[in-house]
Amino acid sequence: VMIFKTRRDLNEEFYRIFKVRKDVKSFYIHKHNTIYISEESVTDSVMAHEIGHVVVDNYFKVVPSEKTREILATYVDLHLD
């Protein structure tokens, strides 16, 4: 997990990696096996969602499509309690 001080710092890292300007709360890169987040964005919900991505991307032998991965990560987030 890489935690950036501000969301602006996180967005700059996103741009450095993807060369796309985007306002993000967090993101996960399977290739780097890393969750990227800012101190301003850390909540149990956001972390559960990103950890959901980690589990899905590392559990399945064949990684599901991006849409399916997002649905599964959102499920984890919504059913945290």
C-alpha atoms as a PDB file:
ATOM      1  CA  VAL A   1       0.000   0.000   0.000  1.00  0.00           C
ATOM      2  CA  MET A   2       1.322   3.424  -0.988  1.00  0.00           C
ATOM      3  CA  ILE A   3      -0.285   6.255   0.984  1.00  0.00           C
ATOM      4  CA  PHE A   4       0.106   9.770  -0.378  1.00  0.00           C
ATOM      5  CA  LYS A   5      -0.244  12.847   1.799  1.00  0.00           C
ATOM      6  CA  THR A   6      -2.828  14.545  -0.425  1.00  0.00           C
ATOM      7  CA  ARG A   7      -5.239  13.538  -3.142  1.00  0.00           C
ATOM      8  CA  ARG A   8      -3.354  15.880  -5.459  1.00  0.00           C
ATOM      9  CA  ASP A   9      -0.186  13.832  -4.852  1.00  0.00           C
ATOM     10  CA  LEU A  10      -2.153  10.656  -5.587  1.00  0.00           C
ATOM     11  CA  ASN A  11      -3.504  12.147  -8.817  1.00  0.00           C
ATOM     12  CA  GLU A  12       0.028  13.103  -9.850  1.00  0.00           C
ATOM     13  CA  GLU A  13       1.151   9.504  -9.294  1.00  0.00           C
ATOM     14  CA  PHE A  14      -1.813   8.294 -11.354  1.00  0.00           C
ATOM     15  CA  TYR A  15      -0.726  10.655 -14.142  1.00  0.00           C
ATOM     16  CA  ARG A  16       2.906   9.536 -13.862  1.00  0.00           C
ATOM     17  CA  ILE A  17       1.867   5.905 -14.307  1.00  0.00           C
ATOM     18  CA  PHE A  18      -0.970   6.190 -16.858  1.00  0.00           C
ATOM     19  CA  LYS A  19      -0.289   9.578 -18.543  1.00  0.00           C
ATOM     20  CA  VAL A  20      -3.961  10.467 -18.009  1.00  0.00           C
ATOM     21  CA  ARG A  21      -5.273  13.300 -15.831  1.00  0.00           C
ATOM     22  CA  LYS A  22      -7.961  11.953 -13.520  1.00  0.00           C
ATOM     23  CA  ASP A  23      -9.242  12.705 -10.033  1.00  0.00           C
ATOM     24  CA  VAL A  24      -9.100   9.399  -8.130  1.00  0.00           C
ATOM     25  CA  LYS A  25      -9.717   8.362  -4.514  1.00  0.00           C
ATOM     26  CA  SER A  26      -7.574   5.267  -4.872  1.00  0.00           C
ATOM     27  CA  PHE A  27      -6.510   2.641  -7.369  1.00  0.00           C
ATOM     28  CA  TYR A  28      -4.893  -0.781  -7.493  1.00  0.00           C
ATOM     29  CA  ILE A  29      -2.341  -2.047 -10.006  1.00  0.00           C
ATOM     30  CA  HIS A  30      -2.123  -5.827 -10.153  1.00  0.00           C
ATOM     31  CA  LYS A  31       1.244  -5.733 -11.972  1.00  0.00           C
ATOM     32  CA  HIS A  32       2.730  -3.749  -9.063  1.00  0.00           C
ATOM     33  CA  ASN A  33       0.630  -5.596  -6.454  1.00  0.00           C
ATOM     34  CA  THR A  34       0.043  -2.176  -4.905  1.00  0.00           C
ATOM     35  CA  ILE A  35      -2.913  -0.141  -3.652  1.00  0.00           C
ATOM     36  CA  TYR A  36      -2.451   3.622  -4.110  1.00  0.00           C
ATOM     37  CA  ILE A  37      -4.448   5.943  -1.832  1.00  0.00           C
ATOM     38  CA  SER A  38      -4.191   9.346  -0.151  1.00  0.00           C
ATOM     39  CA  GLU A  39      -4.530  10.086   3.548  1.00  0.00           C
ATOM     40  CA  GLU A  40      -7.551  12.223   2.650  1.00  0.00           C
ATOM     41  CA  SER A  41      -9.323   9.272   1.009  1.00  0.00           C
ATOM     42  CA  VAL A  42      -8.678   6.490   3.523  1.00  0.00           C
ATOM     43  CA  THR A  43     -11.914   4.984   4.798  1.00  0.00           C
ATOM     44  CA  ASP A  44     -12.864   1.423   5.637  1.00  0.00           C
ATOM     45  CA  SER A  45     -15.112   1.406   2.564  1.00  0.00           C
ATOM     46  CA  VAL A  46     -12.416   2.543   0.121  1.00  0.00           C
ATOM     47  CA  MET A  47      -9.846   0.139   1.576  1.00  0.00           C
ATOM     48  CA  ALA A  48     -12.329  -2.767   1.464  1.00  0.00           C
ATOM     49  CA  HIS A  49     -13.007  -2.004  -2.193  1.00  0.00           C
ATOM     50  CA  GLU A  50      -9.305  -1.911  -3.091  1.00  0.00           C
ATOM     51  CA  ILE A  51      -8.529  -5.039  -1.065  1.00  0.00           C
ATOM     52  CA  GLY A  52     -11.412  -6.654  -2.962  1.00  0.00           C
ATOM     53  CA  HIS A  53      -9.457  -5.947  -6.156  1.00  0.00           C
ATOM     54  CA  VAL A  54      -6.327  -7.490  -4.626  1.00  0.00           C
ATOM     55  CA  VAL A  55      -8.166 -10.672  -3.649  1.00  0.00           C
ATOM     56  CA  VAL A  56      -9.961 -11.039  -6.996  1.00  0.00           C
ATOM     57  CA  ASP A  57      -6.811 -10.395  -9.027  1.00  0.00           C
ATOM     58  CA  ASN A  58      -4.767 -12.873  -6.981  1.00  0.00           C
ATOM     59  CA  TYR A  59      -7.397 -15.562  -6.298  1.00  0.00           C
ATOM     60  CA  PHE A  60      -8.642 -16.452  -9.777  1.00  0.00           C
ATOM     61  CA  LYS A  61      -6.373 -18.446 -12.094  1.00  0.00           C
ATOM     62  CA  VAL A  62      -7.882 -16.542 -15.009  1.00  0.00           C
ATOM     63  CA  VAL A  63      -8.357 -12.888 -14.046  1.00  0.00           C
ATOM     64  CA  PRO A  64     -11.981 -11.842 -14.703  1.00  0.00           C
ATOM     65  CA  SER A  65     -12.844  -8.945 -16.994  1.00  0.00           C
ATOM     66  CA  GLU A  66     -12.455  -5.413 -15.666  1.00  0.00           C
ATOM     67  CA  LYS A  67     -16.226  -5.024 -15.295  1.00  0.00           C
ATOM     68  CA  THR A  68     -16.514  -8.281 -13.310  1.00  0.00           C
ATOM     69  CA  ARG A  69     -13.575  -7.302 -11.081  1.00  0.00           C
ATOM     70  CA  GLU A  70     -15.238  -3.955 -10.358  1.00  0.00           C
ATOM     71  CA  ILE A  71     -18.558  -5.654  -9.500  1.00  0.00           C
ATOM     72  CA  LEU A  72     -16.811  -8.060  -7.095  1.00  0.00           C
ATOM     73  CA  ALA A  73     -14.792  -5.268  -5.428  1.00  0.00           C
ATOM     74  CA  THR A  74     -17.958  -3.182  -5.026  1.00  0.00           C
ATOM     75  CA  TYR A  75     -19.690  -6.202  -3.480  1.00  0.00           C
ATOM     76  CA  VAL A  76     -16.919  -6.449  -0.866  1.00  0.00           C
ATOM     77  CA  ASP A  77     -17.267  -2.723  -0.114  1.00  0.00           C
ATOM     78  CA  LEU A  78     -21.068  -2.872   0.220  1.00  0.00           C
ATOM     79  CA  HIS A  79     -21.037  -5.963   2.449  1.00  0.00           C
ATOM     80  CA  LEU A  80     -18.218  -4.931   4.777  1.00  0.00           C
ATOM     81  CA  ASP A  81     -20.474  -4.983   7.828  1.00  0.00           C
END
